[in-house]
C-alpha cells in the first residue's frame, strides 16, 4: 500500500488532470484490490461501504491513527481551523466544472460529505475538496479496472492536491506530512482494502 510515483497516476485517463492542472499534486498513493468479480465501479464500492456507515467509522482505524484524528479535530474546534473562508463558494474547484461534468456527476457538486464537499463523483473517479483557515485541498479517489497484464486485481488510487491559501499552508503541510505518510494514509488504505473485501466478497461470489 505504497506512496507511488506521480508518473503512473498521471497516465490514467482522469478528469482531474485537466481540472486541477494548475494545482500542485502533493502526493499519490495506491492499493491493489483483489478482483472478486469484474465490473465493479468506484461508485458501487462507495455506495456499499456507506450502507452500514463503514466508510466513516474512525473506530476501525488503529488506536494511534484515531488519536491523531481526534487531536486534529479538537485543535480545529479550539482554534476554529475548520471554518470555511468567506469566499469558499467563489473559490471552489466545482466552479471549474463544465455543464457536461455536472450532468455526469452522480452527486450535486458542493454537497457536504463530512468535512469535505463533493466536486464531482463519476463512475470510477471522485474528487472532494476542503477549504479552511490552513489549506484549500482536494482528495481524488479513482478505481482502475483489471488490465490484461493484471487480470486478478483492481487498483485504487488516492491523490492529494494542495493549493496554497496563506503563508501558513506550506508550514502546516510540512508539520502534518510525517503523520500522514507514516500513520494516517497507510491506515486509511488498509481500511479500504478490508472494506473492499468485506462488501464485495461477502455480497458476490468470487469470479475465479
N, C-alpha and C. Protein backbone atom coordinates (compact mmCIF):
# COMPACT_ATOMS: atom_id res chain seq x y z
N UNK A 1 0.85 -1.19 0.00
CA UNK A 1 0.00 0.00 0.00
C UNK A 1 0.89 1.24 0.00
N UNK A 2 1.69 1.41 -1.05
CA UNK A 2 2.73 2.44 -1.01
C UNK A 2 2.32 3.79 -1.60
N UNK A 3 3.11 4.77 -1.22
CA UNK A 3 3.07 6.02 -1.96
C UNK A 3 3.77 5.74 -3.27
N UNK A 4 3.19 6.19 -4.38
CA UNK A 4 3.74 5.84 -5.69
C UNK A 4 4.20 7.10 -6.43
N UNK A 5 4.90 6.86 -7.51
CA UNK A 5 5.35 7.96 -8.36
C UNK A 5 4.16 8.60 -9.07
N UNK A 6 4.15 9.92 -9.19
CA UNK A 6 3.06 10.58 -9.92
C UNK A 6 2.99 10.18 -11.39
N UNK A 7 4.08 9.63 -11.92
CA UNK A 7 4.13 9.29 -13.35
C UNK A 7 3.03 8.30 -13.70
N UNK A 8 2.90 7.24 -12.93
CA UNK A 8 1.86 6.24 -13.19
C UNK A 8 0.47 6.87 -13.09
N UNK A 9 0.26 7.65 -12.06
CA UNK A 9 -1.03 8.27 -11.83
C UNK A 9 -1.41 9.21 -12.98
N UNK A 10 -0.45 9.97 -13.45
CA UNK A 10 -0.73 10.97 -14.48
C UNK A 10 -1.03 10.36 -15.84
N UNK A 11 -0.75 9.08 -16.02
CA UNK A 11 -1.09 8.43 -17.29
C UNK A 11 -2.53 7.94 -17.32
N UNK A 12 -3.21 7.95 -16.19
CA UNK A 12 -4.59 7.50 -16.14
C UNK A 12 -5.51 8.52 -16.80
N UNK A 13 -6.54 8.06 -17.49
CA UNK A 13 -7.46 8.99 -18.18
C UNK A 13 -8.48 9.58 -17.20
N UNK A 14 -8.03 10.52 -16.39
CA UNK A 14 -8.87 11.10 -15.34
C UNK A 14 -9.15 12.57 -15.62
N UNK A 15 -10.34 13.01 -15.26
CA UNK A 15 -10.73 14.40 -15.46
C UNK A 15 -9.90 15.35 -14.60
N UNK A 16 -9.46 14.87 -13.45
CA UNK A 16 -8.74 15.73 -12.52
C UNK A 16 -7.47 16.32 -13.12
N UNK A 17 -6.87 15.62 -14.07
CA UNK A 17 -5.60 16.10 -14.62
C UNK A 17 -5.75 17.45 -15.31
N UNK A 18 -6.87 17.67 -15.96
CA UNK A 18 -7.09 18.97 -16.61
C UNK A 18 -7.80 19.93 -15.66
N UNK A 19 -8.70 19.42 -14.82
CA UNK A 19 -9.44 20.30 -13.93
C UNK A 19 -8.52 21.00 -12.93
N UNK A 20 -7.54 20.26 -12.41
CA UNK A 20 -6.63 20.84 -11.42
C UNK A 20 -5.20 20.93 -11.96
N UNK A 21 -5.10 21.25 -13.24
CA UNK A 21 -3.79 21.31 -13.88
C UNK A 21 -2.86 22.33 -13.23
N UNK A 22 -3.43 23.38 -12.63
CA UNK A 22 -2.62 24.43 -12.02
C UNK A 22 -2.49 24.28 -10.50
N UNK A 23 -3.00 23.18 -9.96
CA UNK A 23 -2.92 22.93 -8.52
C UNK A 23 -1.87 21.86 -8.26
N UNK A 24 -0.88 22.12 -7.42
CA UNK A 24 0.18 21.13 -7.19
C UNK A 24 -0.34 19.80 -6.66
N UNK A 25 0.14 18.71 -7.26
CA UNK A 25 -0.13 17.37 -6.77
C UNK A 25 0.82 17.11 -5.62
N UNK A 26 0.29 16.98 -4.41
CA UNK A 26 1.14 16.84 -3.22
C UNK A 26 1.71 15.43 -3.12
N UNK A 27 0.87 14.42 -3.25
CA UNK A 27 1.34 13.04 -3.29
C UNK A 27 0.20 12.15 -3.77
N UNK A 28 0.57 10.92 -4.12
CA UNK A 28 -0.42 9.96 -4.60
C UNK A 28 -0.06 8.57 -4.07
N UNK A 29 -1.11 7.82 -3.70
CA UNK A 29 -0.95 6.51 -3.10
C UNK A 29 -1.78 5.51 -3.89
N UNK A 30 -1.47 4.23 -3.71
CA UNK A 30 -2.23 3.20 -4.42
C UNK A 30 -2.29 1.94 -3.58
N UNK A 31 -3.38 1.20 -3.73
CA UNK A 31 -3.52 -0.09 -3.09
C UNK A 31 -4.19 -1.04 -4.08
N UNK A 32 -3.65 -2.25 -4.20
CA UNK A 32 -4.23 -3.25 -5.08
C UNK A 32 -5.34 -3.99 -4.36
N UNK A 33 -6.45 -4.21 -5.08
CA UNK A 33 -7.63 -4.85 -4.52
C UNK A 33 -7.95 -6.08 -5.35
N UNK A 34 -8.22 -7.22 -4.72
CA UNK A 34 -8.49 -8.45 -5.48
C UNK A 34 -9.75 -8.35 -6.31
N UNK A 35 -9.69 -8.91 -7.50
CA UNK A 35 -10.84 -8.90 -8.41
C UNK A 35 -11.78 -10.04 -8.05
N UNK A 36 -12.58 -9.85 -7.00
CA UNK A 36 -13.54 -10.87 -6.63
C UNK A 36 -14.53 -11.11 -7.77
N UNK A 37 -14.78 -10.07 -8.53
CA UNK A 37 -15.55 -10.19 -9.76
C UNK A 37 -15.23 -8.98 -10.62
N UNK A 38 -15.59 -9.02 -11.87
CA UNK A 38 -15.33 -7.91 -12.78
C UNK A 38 -16.57 -7.00 -12.86
N UNK A 39 -16.34 -5.80 -13.33
CA UNK A 39 -17.44 -4.85 -13.50
C UNK A 39 -17.73 -4.00 -12.29
N UNK A 40 -16.88 -4.06 -11.26
CA UNK A 40 -17.09 -3.23 -10.07
C UNK A 40 -16.66 -1.80 -10.38
N UNK A 41 -17.44 -0.84 -9.93
CA UNK A 41 -17.10 0.57 -10.12
C UNK A 41 -16.83 1.22 -8.78
N UNK A 42 -16.16 2.34 -8.81
CA UNK A 42 -15.91 3.09 -7.58
C UNK A 42 -17.23 3.52 -6.94
N UNK A 43 -18.18 3.95 -7.75
CA UNK A 43 -19.48 4.38 -7.22
C UNK A 43 -20.18 3.24 -6.48
N UNK A 44 -20.12 2.04 -7.06
CA UNK A 44 -20.74 0.88 -6.42
C UNK A 44 -20.07 0.58 -5.09
N UNK A 45 -18.74 0.60 -5.08
CA UNK A 45 -17.99 0.31 -3.85
C UNK A 45 -18.32 1.32 -2.76
N UNK A 46 -18.33 2.60 -3.11
CA UNK A 46 -18.64 3.64 -2.13
C UNK A 46 -20.06 3.50 -1.61
N UNK A 47 -20.98 3.17 -2.51
CA UNK A 47 -22.37 3.00 -2.10
C UNK A 47 -22.51 1.85 -1.11
N UNK A 48 -21.87 0.74 -1.40
CA UNK A 48 -21.96 -0.41 -0.49
C UNK A 48 -21.29 -0.12 0.85
N UNK A 49 -20.18 0.60 0.80
CA UNK A 49 -19.47 0.92 2.04
C UNK A 49 -20.29 1.84 2.93
N UNK A 50 -21.12 2.69 2.31
CA UNK A 50 -21.92 3.63 3.09
C UNK A 50 -23.21 3.01 3.63
N UNK A 51 -23.59 1.87 3.13
CA UNK A 51 -24.85 1.26 3.55
C UNK A 51 -24.88 0.98 5.04
N UNK A 52 -23.73 0.65 5.60
CA UNK A 52 -23.69 0.42 7.04
C UNK A 52 -22.80 1.43 7.76
N UNK A 53 -22.44 2.50 7.05
CA UNK A 53 -21.67 3.57 7.67
C UNK A 53 -20.20 3.27 7.83
N UNK A 54 -19.69 2.18 7.26
CA UNK A 54 -18.30 1.81 7.48
C UNK A 54 -17.32 2.78 6.87
N UNK A 55 -17.77 3.56 5.86
CA UNK A 55 -16.84 4.49 5.22
C UNK A 55 -16.42 5.60 6.17
N UNK A 56 -17.18 5.82 7.24
CA UNK A 56 -16.86 6.93 8.13
C UNK A 56 -16.54 6.49 9.55
N UNK A 57 -16.31 5.18 9.77
CA UNK A 57 -16.10 4.69 11.12
C UNK A 57 -14.64 4.83 11.54
N UNK A 58 -14.35 5.83 12.38
CA UNK A 58 -12.99 6.03 12.86
C UNK A 58 -12.56 4.93 13.81
N UNK A 59 -13.52 4.27 14.45
CA UNK A 59 -13.15 3.25 15.43
C UNK A 59 -12.51 2.03 14.81
N UNK A 60 -12.52 1.93 13.46
CA UNK A 60 -11.88 0.80 12.80
C UNK A 60 -10.44 1.12 12.40
N UNK A 61 -9.99 2.36 12.67
CA UNK A 61 -8.60 2.70 12.44
C UNK A 61 -7.76 2.25 13.63
N UNK A 62 -6.45 2.07 13.45
CA UNK A 62 -5.59 1.75 14.58
C UNK A 62 -5.66 2.85 15.64
N UNK A 63 -5.41 2.50 16.92
CA UNK A 63 -5.52 3.48 18.01
C UNK A 63 -4.73 4.77 17.78
N UNK A 64 -3.50 4.66 17.28
CA UNK A 64 -2.69 5.86 17.10
C UNK A 64 -3.28 6.76 16.01
N UNK A 65 -3.85 6.16 14.96
CA UNK A 65 -4.48 6.95 13.91
C UNK A 65 -5.74 7.64 14.44
N UNK A 66 -6.54 6.92 15.25
CA UNK A 66 -7.73 7.52 15.85
C UNK A 66 -7.34 8.69 16.76
N UNK A 67 -6.28 8.51 17.51
CA UNK A 67 -5.83 9.57 18.42
C UNK A 67 -5.43 10.82 17.65
N UNK A 68 -4.74 10.64 16.52
CA UNK A 68 -4.33 11.78 15.71
C UNK A 68 -5.53 12.49 15.10
N UNK A 69 -6.51 11.71 14.63
CA UNK A 69 -7.73 12.31 14.10
C UNK A 69 -8.43 13.15 15.18
N UNK A 70 -8.60 12.58 16.35
CA UNK A 70 -9.29 13.28 17.43
C UNK A 70 -8.52 14.53 17.88
N UNK A 71 -7.18 14.43 17.90
CA UNK A 71 -6.37 15.59 18.27
C UNK A 71 -6.56 16.70 17.25
N UNK A 72 -6.51 16.33 15.96
CA UNK A 72 -6.67 17.35 14.90
C UNK A 72 -8.03 18.00 14.97
N UNK A 73 -9.09 17.21 15.16
CA UNK A 73 -10.44 17.76 15.24
C UNK A 73 -10.60 18.64 16.48
N UNK A 74 -9.98 18.24 17.57
CA UNK A 74 -10.07 19.04 18.80
C UNK A 74 -9.38 20.38 18.62
N UNK A 75 -8.18 20.36 18.05
CA UNK A 75 -7.46 21.61 17.80
C UNK A 75 -8.22 22.48 16.80
N UNK A 76 -8.84 21.81 15.83
CA UNK A 76 -9.63 22.55 14.85
C UNK A 76 -10.77 23.30 15.48
N UNK A 77 -11.43 22.67 16.45
CA UNK A 77 -12.54 23.34 17.14
C UNK A 77 -12.04 24.48 18.03
N UNK A 78 -10.93 24.24 18.70
CA UNK A 78 -10.40 25.26 19.61
C UNK A 78 -9.95 26.50 18.85
N UNK A 79 -9.20 26.30 17.77
CA UNK A 79 -8.63 27.43 17.01
C UNK A 79 -9.45 27.78 15.77
N UNK A 80 -10.62 27.14 15.63
CA UNK A 80 -11.51 27.40 14.50
C UNK A 80 -10.80 27.20 13.15
N UNK A 81 -9.98 26.16 13.10
CA UNK A 81 -9.22 25.88 11.88
C UNK A 81 -10.11 25.37 10.75
N UNK A 82 -11.26 24.77 11.11
CA UNK A 82 -12.11 24.17 10.10
C UNK A 82 -13.07 25.15 9.44
N UNK A 83 -13.14 26.35 9.95
CA UNK A 83 -14.09 27.32 9.41
C UNK A 83 -13.79 27.61 7.94
N UNK A 84 -14.80 27.48 7.08
CA UNK A 84 -14.62 27.81 5.67
C UNK A 84 -14.46 29.32 5.50
N UNK A 85 -13.57 29.74 4.61
CA UNK A 85 -13.41 31.18 4.36
C UNK A 85 -14.66 31.76 3.73
N UNK A 86 -14.81 33.06 3.83
CA UNK A 86 -16.00 33.72 3.31
C UNK A 86 -16.13 33.56 1.80
N UNK A 87 -15.01 33.41 1.12
CA UNK A 87 -15.04 33.28 -0.35
C UNK A 87 -15.00 31.83 -0.80
N UNK A 88 -15.36 30.90 0.10
CA UNK A 88 -15.25 29.47 -0.22
C UNK A 88 -16.05 29.09 -1.46
N UNK A 89 -17.25 29.61 -1.58
CA UNK A 89 -18.09 29.26 -2.71
C UNK A 89 -17.47 29.74 -4.03
N UNK A 90 -16.95 30.96 -4.02
CA UNK A 90 -16.36 31.51 -5.24
C UNK A 90 -15.05 30.81 -5.59
N UNK A 91 -14.32 30.33 -4.57
CA UNK A 91 -13.03 29.70 -4.81
C UNK A 91 -13.12 28.21 -5.08
N UNK A 92 -14.30 27.63 -4.94
CA UNK A 92 -14.46 26.19 -5.06
C UNK A 92 -14.01 25.65 -6.41
N UNK A 93 -13.36 24.51 -6.39
CA UNK A 93 -12.96 23.85 -7.63
C UNK A 93 -14.17 23.45 -8.47
N UNK A 94 -15.34 23.36 -7.84
CA UNK A 94 -16.55 23.00 -8.58
C UNK A 94 -16.90 24.04 -9.63
N UNK A 95 -16.43 25.26 -9.45
CA UNK A 95 -16.70 26.31 -10.44
C UNK A 95 -15.98 26.05 -11.76
N UNK A 96 -15.04 25.13 -11.76
CA UNK A 96 -14.30 24.81 -12.98
C UNK A 96 -15.02 23.74 -13.82
N UNK A 97 -16.05 23.14 -13.27
CA UNK A 97 -16.74 22.07 -13.97
C UNK A 97 -17.51 22.60 -15.18
N UNK A 98 -17.55 21.79 -16.22
CA UNK A 98 -18.36 22.12 -17.38
C UNK A 98 -19.78 21.61 -17.16
N UNK A 99 -20.68 22.02 -18.02
CA UNK A 99 -22.06 21.52 -17.93
C UNK A 99 -22.09 20.00 -18.10
N UNK A 100 -21.21 19.48 -18.94
CA UNK A 100 -21.12 18.03 -19.14
C UNK A 100 -20.65 17.33 -17.86
N UNK A 101 -19.66 17.94 -17.19
CA UNK A 101 -19.17 17.37 -15.93
C UNK A 101 -20.30 17.29 -14.91
N UNK A 102 -21.06 18.37 -14.80
CA UNK A 102 -22.15 18.42 -13.81
C UNK A 102 -23.23 17.38 -14.11
N UNK A 103 -23.51 17.21 -15.39
CA UNK A 103 -24.52 16.22 -15.77
C UNK A 103 -24.03 14.80 -15.52
N UNK A 104 -22.74 14.61 -15.64
CA UNK A 104 -22.14 13.28 -15.46
C UNK A 104 -22.01 12.90 -14.00
N UNK A 105 -21.91 13.89 -13.12
CA UNK A 105 -21.70 13.62 -11.69
C UNK A 105 -22.97 13.04 -11.07
N UNK A 106 -22.81 11.97 -10.30
CA UNK A 106 -23.95 11.33 -9.62
C UNK A 106 -24.31 12.05 -8.33
N UNK A 107 -23.49 13.01 -7.91
CA UNK A 107 -23.75 13.81 -6.71
C UNK A 107 -23.65 15.28 -7.11
N UNK A 108 -24.56 16.08 -6.60
CA UNK A 108 -24.56 17.52 -6.92
C UNK A 108 -23.27 18.15 -6.39
N UNK A 109 -22.50 18.83 -7.25
CA UNK A 109 -21.28 19.49 -6.79
C UNK A 109 -21.58 20.45 -5.64
N UNK A 110 -20.71 20.41 -4.63
CA UNK A 110 -20.90 21.25 -3.46
C UNK A 110 -21.57 20.54 -2.30
N UNK A 111 -22.07 19.32 -2.53
CA UNK A 111 -22.71 18.55 -1.47
C UNK A 111 -21.72 18.28 -0.35
N UNK A 112 -22.14 18.54 0.88
CA UNK A 112 -21.28 18.32 2.03
C UNK A 112 -21.16 16.84 2.33
N UNK A 113 -19.95 16.37 2.57
CA UNK A 113 -19.69 14.98 2.92
C UNK A 113 -18.63 14.96 4.02
N UNK A 114 -19.08 14.92 5.27
CA UNK A 114 -18.16 15.04 6.40
C UNK A 114 -17.57 16.44 6.43
N UNK A 115 -16.24 16.52 6.47
CA UNK A 115 -15.59 17.83 6.46
C UNK A 115 -15.29 18.27 5.03
N UNK A 116 -15.61 17.43 4.05
CA UNK A 116 -15.34 17.73 2.65
C UNK A 116 -16.61 18.15 1.92
N UNK A 117 -16.42 18.69 0.72
CA UNK A 117 -17.51 18.93 -0.22
C UNK A 117 -17.19 18.19 -1.51
N UNK A 118 -18.20 17.59 -2.10
CA UNK A 118 -18.03 16.85 -3.35
C UNK A 118 -17.86 17.84 -4.50
N UNK A 119 -16.80 17.67 -5.27
CA UNK A 119 -16.65 18.43 -6.51
C UNK A 119 -17.34 17.67 -7.64
N UNK A 120 -17.07 16.38 -7.73
CA UNK A 120 -17.81 15.51 -8.65
C UNK A 120 -17.64 14.06 -8.21
N UNK A 121 -18.57 13.24 -8.62
CA UNK A 121 -18.46 11.79 -8.44
C UNK A 121 -18.88 11.11 -9.73
N UNK A 122 -17.88 10.64 -10.47
CA UNK A 122 -18.13 9.90 -11.70
C UNK A 122 -18.11 8.40 -11.37
N UNK A 123 -18.31 7.59 -12.38
CA UNK A 123 -18.40 6.14 -12.15
C UNK A 123 -17.16 5.58 -11.46
N UNK A 124 -15.97 6.00 -11.91
CA UNK A 124 -14.74 5.47 -11.33
C UNK A 124 -13.78 6.56 -10.87
N UNK A 125 -14.30 7.74 -10.59
CA UNK A 125 -13.46 8.86 -10.17
C UNK A 125 -14.26 9.80 -9.29
N UNK A 126 -13.68 10.17 -8.17
CA UNK A 126 -14.36 11.09 -7.25
C UNK A 126 -13.37 12.14 -6.77
N UNK A 127 -13.81 13.39 -6.76
CA UNK A 127 -12.98 14.48 -6.26
C UNK A 127 -13.72 15.20 -5.14
N UNK A 128 -13.07 15.29 -3.99
CA UNK A 128 -13.59 16.02 -2.84
C UNK A 128 -12.66 17.19 -2.56
N UNK A 129 -13.18 18.24 -1.94
CA UNK A 129 -12.33 19.35 -1.57
C UNK A 129 -12.64 19.81 -0.16
N UNK A 130 -11.66 20.47 0.44
CA UNK A 130 -11.83 21.06 1.76
C UNK A 130 -11.17 22.43 1.76
N UNK A 131 -11.89 23.38 2.30
CA UNK A 131 -11.35 24.73 2.45
C UNK A 131 -11.47 25.12 3.91
N UNK A 132 -10.36 25.53 4.49
CA UNK A 132 -10.39 26.02 5.86
C UNK A 132 -9.33 27.10 6.03
N UNK A 133 -8.98 27.40 7.26
CA UNK A 133 -8.05 28.50 7.50
C UNK A 133 -6.61 28.14 7.18
N UNK A 134 -6.34 26.85 6.93
CA UNK A 134 -4.96 26.45 6.66
C UNK A 134 -4.72 26.07 5.20
N UNK A 135 -5.69 25.41 4.57
CA UNK A 135 -5.46 24.93 3.20
C UNK A 135 -6.73 24.99 2.36
N UNK A 136 -6.53 24.91 1.07
CA UNK A 136 -7.58 24.58 0.12
C UNK A 136 -7.04 23.34 -0.59
N UNK A 137 -7.56 22.18 -0.23
CA UNK A 137 -7.01 20.92 -0.72
C UNK A 137 -8.09 20.09 -1.38
N UNK A 138 -7.66 19.15 -2.20
CA UNK A 138 -8.58 18.24 -2.88
C UNK A 138 -8.06 16.82 -2.73
N UNK A 139 -8.99 15.88 -2.58
CA UNK A 139 -8.66 14.46 -2.47
C UNK A 139 -9.32 13.72 -3.61
N UNK A 140 -8.52 13.05 -4.42
CA UNK A 140 -9.01 12.33 -5.59
C UNK A 140 -8.95 10.83 -5.33
N UNK A 141 -10.07 10.15 -5.53
CA UNK A 141 -10.11 8.69 -5.47
C UNK A 141 -10.46 8.17 -6.85
N UNK A 142 -9.76 7.13 -7.28
CA UNK A 142 -10.02 6.56 -8.59
C UNK A 142 -9.83 5.05 -8.52
N UNK A 143 -10.61 4.33 -9.32
CA UNK A 143 -10.52 2.87 -9.35
C UNK A 143 -10.24 2.43 -10.78
N UNK A 144 -9.10 1.78 -10.95
CA UNK A 144 -8.73 1.26 -12.27
C UNK A 144 -9.13 -0.19 -12.37
N UNK A 145 -9.84 -0.55 -13.43
CA UNK A 145 -10.30 -1.93 -13.64
C UNK A 145 -9.12 -2.84 -13.97
N UNK A 146 -9.31 -4.13 -13.79
CA UNK A 146 -8.22 -5.07 -14.11
C UNK A 146 -7.74 -4.91 -15.55
N UNK A 147 -6.43 -4.93 -15.72
CA UNK A 147 -5.83 -4.84 -17.04
C UNK A 147 -5.42 -6.23 -17.51
N UNK A 148 -5.10 -6.35 -18.79
CA UNK A 148 -4.73 -7.66 -19.34
C UNK A 148 -3.52 -8.24 -18.62
N UNK A 149 -2.57 -7.37 -18.24
CA UNK A 149 -1.37 -7.86 -17.58
C UNK A 149 -1.60 -8.15 -16.09
N UNK A 150 -2.72 -7.66 -15.54
CA UNK A 150 -3.05 -7.90 -14.13
C UNK A 150 -4.54 -8.18 -14.00
N UNK A 151 -5.01 -9.29 -14.54
CA UNK A 151 -6.46 -9.57 -14.57
C UNK A 151 -7.06 -9.92 -13.22
N UNK A 152 -6.20 -10.12 -12.21
CA UNK A 152 -6.71 -10.56 -10.91
C UNK A 152 -6.82 -9.43 -9.90
N UNK A 153 -6.65 -8.18 -10.34
CA UNK A 153 -6.71 -7.09 -9.37
C UNK A 153 -7.22 -5.78 -9.98
N UNK A 154 -7.87 -5.02 -9.13
CA UNK A 154 -8.16 -3.62 -9.39
C UNK A 154 -7.05 -2.82 -8.71
N UNK A 155 -6.96 -1.55 -9.05
CA UNK A 155 -6.02 -0.68 -8.32
C UNK A 155 -6.75 0.60 -7.92
N UNK A 156 -6.73 0.88 -6.62
CA UNK A 156 -7.36 2.08 -6.07
C UNK A 156 -6.28 3.14 -5.88
N UNK A 157 -6.55 4.35 -6.40
CA UNK A 157 -5.61 5.46 -6.29
C UNK A 157 -6.19 6.53 -5.38
N UNK A 158 -5.32 7.13 -4.58
CA UNK A 158 -5.72 8.24 -3.72
C UNK A 158 -4.67 9.33 -3.86
N UNK A 159 -5.08 10.48 -4.37
CA UNK A 159 -4.16 11.58 -4.61
C UNK A 159 -4.60 12.83 -3.87
N UNK A 160 -3.63 13.61 -3.44
CA UNK A 160 -3.90 14.83 -2.68
C UNK A 160 -3.32 16.02 -3.43
N UNK A 161 -4.16 17.02 -3.65
CA UNK A 161 -3.75 18.28 -4.27
C UNK A 161 -3.85 19.38 -3.22
N UNK A 162 -2.85 20.26 -3.18
CA UNK A 162 -2.86 21.33 -2.18
C UNK A 162 -2.61 22.67 -2.85
N UNK A 163 -3.60 23.54 -2.74
CA UNK A 163 -3.49 24.91 -3.23
C UNK A 163 -3.15 25.81 -2.05
N UNK A 164 -2.09 26.59 -2.18
CA UNK A 164 -1.67 27.44 -1.06
C UNK A 164 -2.68 28.54 -0.82
N UNK A 165 -3.22 28.54 0.40
CA UNK A 165 -4.20 29.57 0.77
C UNK A 165 -3.51 30.78 1.39
N UNK A 166 -2.64 30.55 2.35
CA UNK A 166 -1.91 31.63 3.01
C UNK A 166 -0.47 31.17 3.23
N UNK A 167 0.32 32.03 3.85
CA UNK A 167 1.71 31.69 4.13
C UNK A 167 1.83 30.49 5.06
N UNK A 168 0.78 30.20 5.80
CA UNK A 168 0.85 29.10 6.76
C UNK A 168 0.68 27.73 6.10
N UNK A 169 0.17 27.68 4.87
CA UNK A 169 -0.11 26.41 4.21
C UNK A 169 1.12 25.50 4.10
N UNK A 170 2.25 25.98 3.55
CA UNK A 170 3.43 25.10 3.45
C UNK A 170 3.91 24.63 4.82
N UNK A 171 3.88 25.52 5.81
CA UNK A 171 4.30 25.16 7.16
C UNK A 171 3.39 24.08 7.73
N UNK A 172 2.10 24.24 7.54
CA UNK A 172 1.13 23.28 8.04
C UNK A 172 1.32 21.91 7.39
N UNK A 173 1.54 21.89 6.07
CA UNK A 173 1.73 20.62 5.38
C UNK A 173 3.02 19.93 5.82
N UNK A 174 4.09 20.69 6.01
CA UNK A 174 5.33 20.08 6.48
C UNK A 174 5.15 19.50 7.88
N UNK A 175 4.34 20.16 8.68
CA UNK A 175 4.11 19.70 10.05
C UNK A 175 3.34 18.38 10.08
N UNK A 176 2.33 18.25 9.22
CA UNK A 176 1.49 17.05 9.28
C UNK A 176 1.95 15.93 8.35
N UNK A 177 2.86 16.21 7.41
CA UNK A 177 3.28 15.20 6.45
C UNK A 177 3.81 13.91 7.08
N UNK A 178 4.66 13.99 8.10
CA UNK A 178 5.14 12.72 8.68
C UNK A 178 4.01 11.86 9.22
N UNK A 179 3.00 12.47 9.83
CA UNK A 179 1.87 11.72 10.37
C UNK A 179 1.01 11.16 9.24
N UNK A 180 0.82 11.95 8.17
CA UNK A 180 0.05 11.49 7.03
C UNK A 180 0.70 10.28 6.40
N UNK A 181 2.01 10.38 6.13
CA UNK A 181 2.71 9.37 5.35
C UNK A 181 3.01 8.10 6.15
N UNK A 182 3.26 8.24 7.44
CA UNK A 182 3.65 7.09 8.24
C UNK A 182 2.49 6.41 8.94
N UNK A 183 1.41 7.16 9.20
CA UNK A 183 0.32 6.61 10.01
C UNK A 183 -1.04 6.70 9.32
N UNK A 184 -1.46 7.92 8.97
CA UNK A 184 -2.83 8.13 8.52
C UNK A 184 -3.13 7.43 7.20
N UNK A 185 -2.35 7.69 6.16
CA UNK A 185 -2.69 7.13 4.85
C UNK A 185 -2.48 5.62 4.77
N UNK A 186 -1.39 5.08 5.34
CA UNK A 186 -1.31 3.60 5.36
C UNK A 186 -2.50 2.96 6.07
N UNK A 187 -2.94 3.56 7.18
CA UNK A 187 -4.11 3.02 7.90
C UNK A 187 -5.37 3.16 7.07
N UNK A 188 -5.51 4.28 6.37
CA UNK A 188 -6.69 4.51 5.55
C UNK A 188 -6.76 3.51 4.39
N UNK A 189 -5.62 3.28 3.72
CA UNK A 189 -5.61 2.34 2.60
C UNK A 189 -5.81 0.90 3.07
N UNK A 190 -5.29 0.58 4.23
CA UNK A 190 -5.52 -0.75 4.79
C UNK A 190 -7.01 -0.94 5.08
N UNK A 191 -7.66 0.12 5.55
CA UNK A 191 -9.10 0.05 5.83
C UNK A 191 -9.89 -0.08 4.53
N UNK A 192 -9.46 0.60 3.48
CA UNK A 192 -10.12 0.48 2.19
C UNK A 192 -10.04 -0.96 1.69
N UNK A 193 -8.88 -1.59 1.83
CA UNK A 193 -8.72 -2.98 1.42
C UNK A 193 -9.66 -3.89 2.22
N UNK A 194 -9.73 -3.68 3.54
CA UNK A 194 -10.59 -4.51 4.38
C UNK A 194 -12.06 -4.29 4.04
N UNK A 195 -12.43 -3.02 3.78
CA UNK A 195 -13.82 -2.71 3.42
C UNK A 195 -14.19 -3.32 2.08
N UNK A 196 -13.26 -3.27 1.14
CA UNK A 196 -13.47 -3.89 -0.18
C UNK A 196 -13.72 -5.38 -0.03
N UNK A 197 -12.87 -6.05 0.72
CA UNK A 197 -13.03 -7.49 0.90
C UNK A 197 -14.37 -7.83 1.56
N UNK A 198 -14.75 -7.03 2.54
CA UNK A 198 -16.00 -7.31 3.26
C UNK A 198 -17.22 -7.09 2.39
N UNK A 199 -17.29 -5.95 1.71
CA UNK A 199 -18.50 -5.59 0.98
C UNK A 199 -18.61 -6.23 -0.39
N UNK A 200 -17.47 -6.49 -1.03
CA UNK A 200 -17.53 -7.09 -2.36
C UNK A 200 -17.55 -8.62 -2.26
N UNK A 201 -16.65 -9.18 -1.48
CA UNK A 201 -16.60 -10.64 -1.39
C UNK A 201 -17.83 -11.21 -0.68
N UNK A 202 -18.35 -10.49 0.33
CA UNK A 202 -19.48 -11.03 1.07
C UNK A 202 -20.80 -10.91 0.31
N UNK A 203 -20.83 -10.05 -0.72
CA UNK A 203 -22.06 -9.88 -1.49
C UNK A 203 -22.03 -10.54 -2.86
N UNK A 204 -20.84 -10.97 -3.26
CA UNK A 204 -20.72 -11.57 -4.59
C UNK A 204 -19.89 -12.84 -4.52
N UNK A 205 -20.19 -13.79 -5.34
CA UNK A 205 -19.38 -14.99 -5.44
C UNK A 205 -18.12 -14.65 -6.20
N UNK A 206 -16.98 -15.14 -5.77
CA UNK A 206 -15.73 -14.86 -6.49
C UNK A 206 -15.84 -15.32 -7.94
N UNK A 207 -15.26 -14.56 -8.83
CA UNK A 207 -15.32 -14.88 -10.25
C UNK A 207 -14.16 -15.76 -10.67
N UNK A 208 -13.35 -16.21 -9.68
CA UNK A 208 -12.19 -17.02 -10.03
C UNK A 208 -12.47 -18.48 -9.78
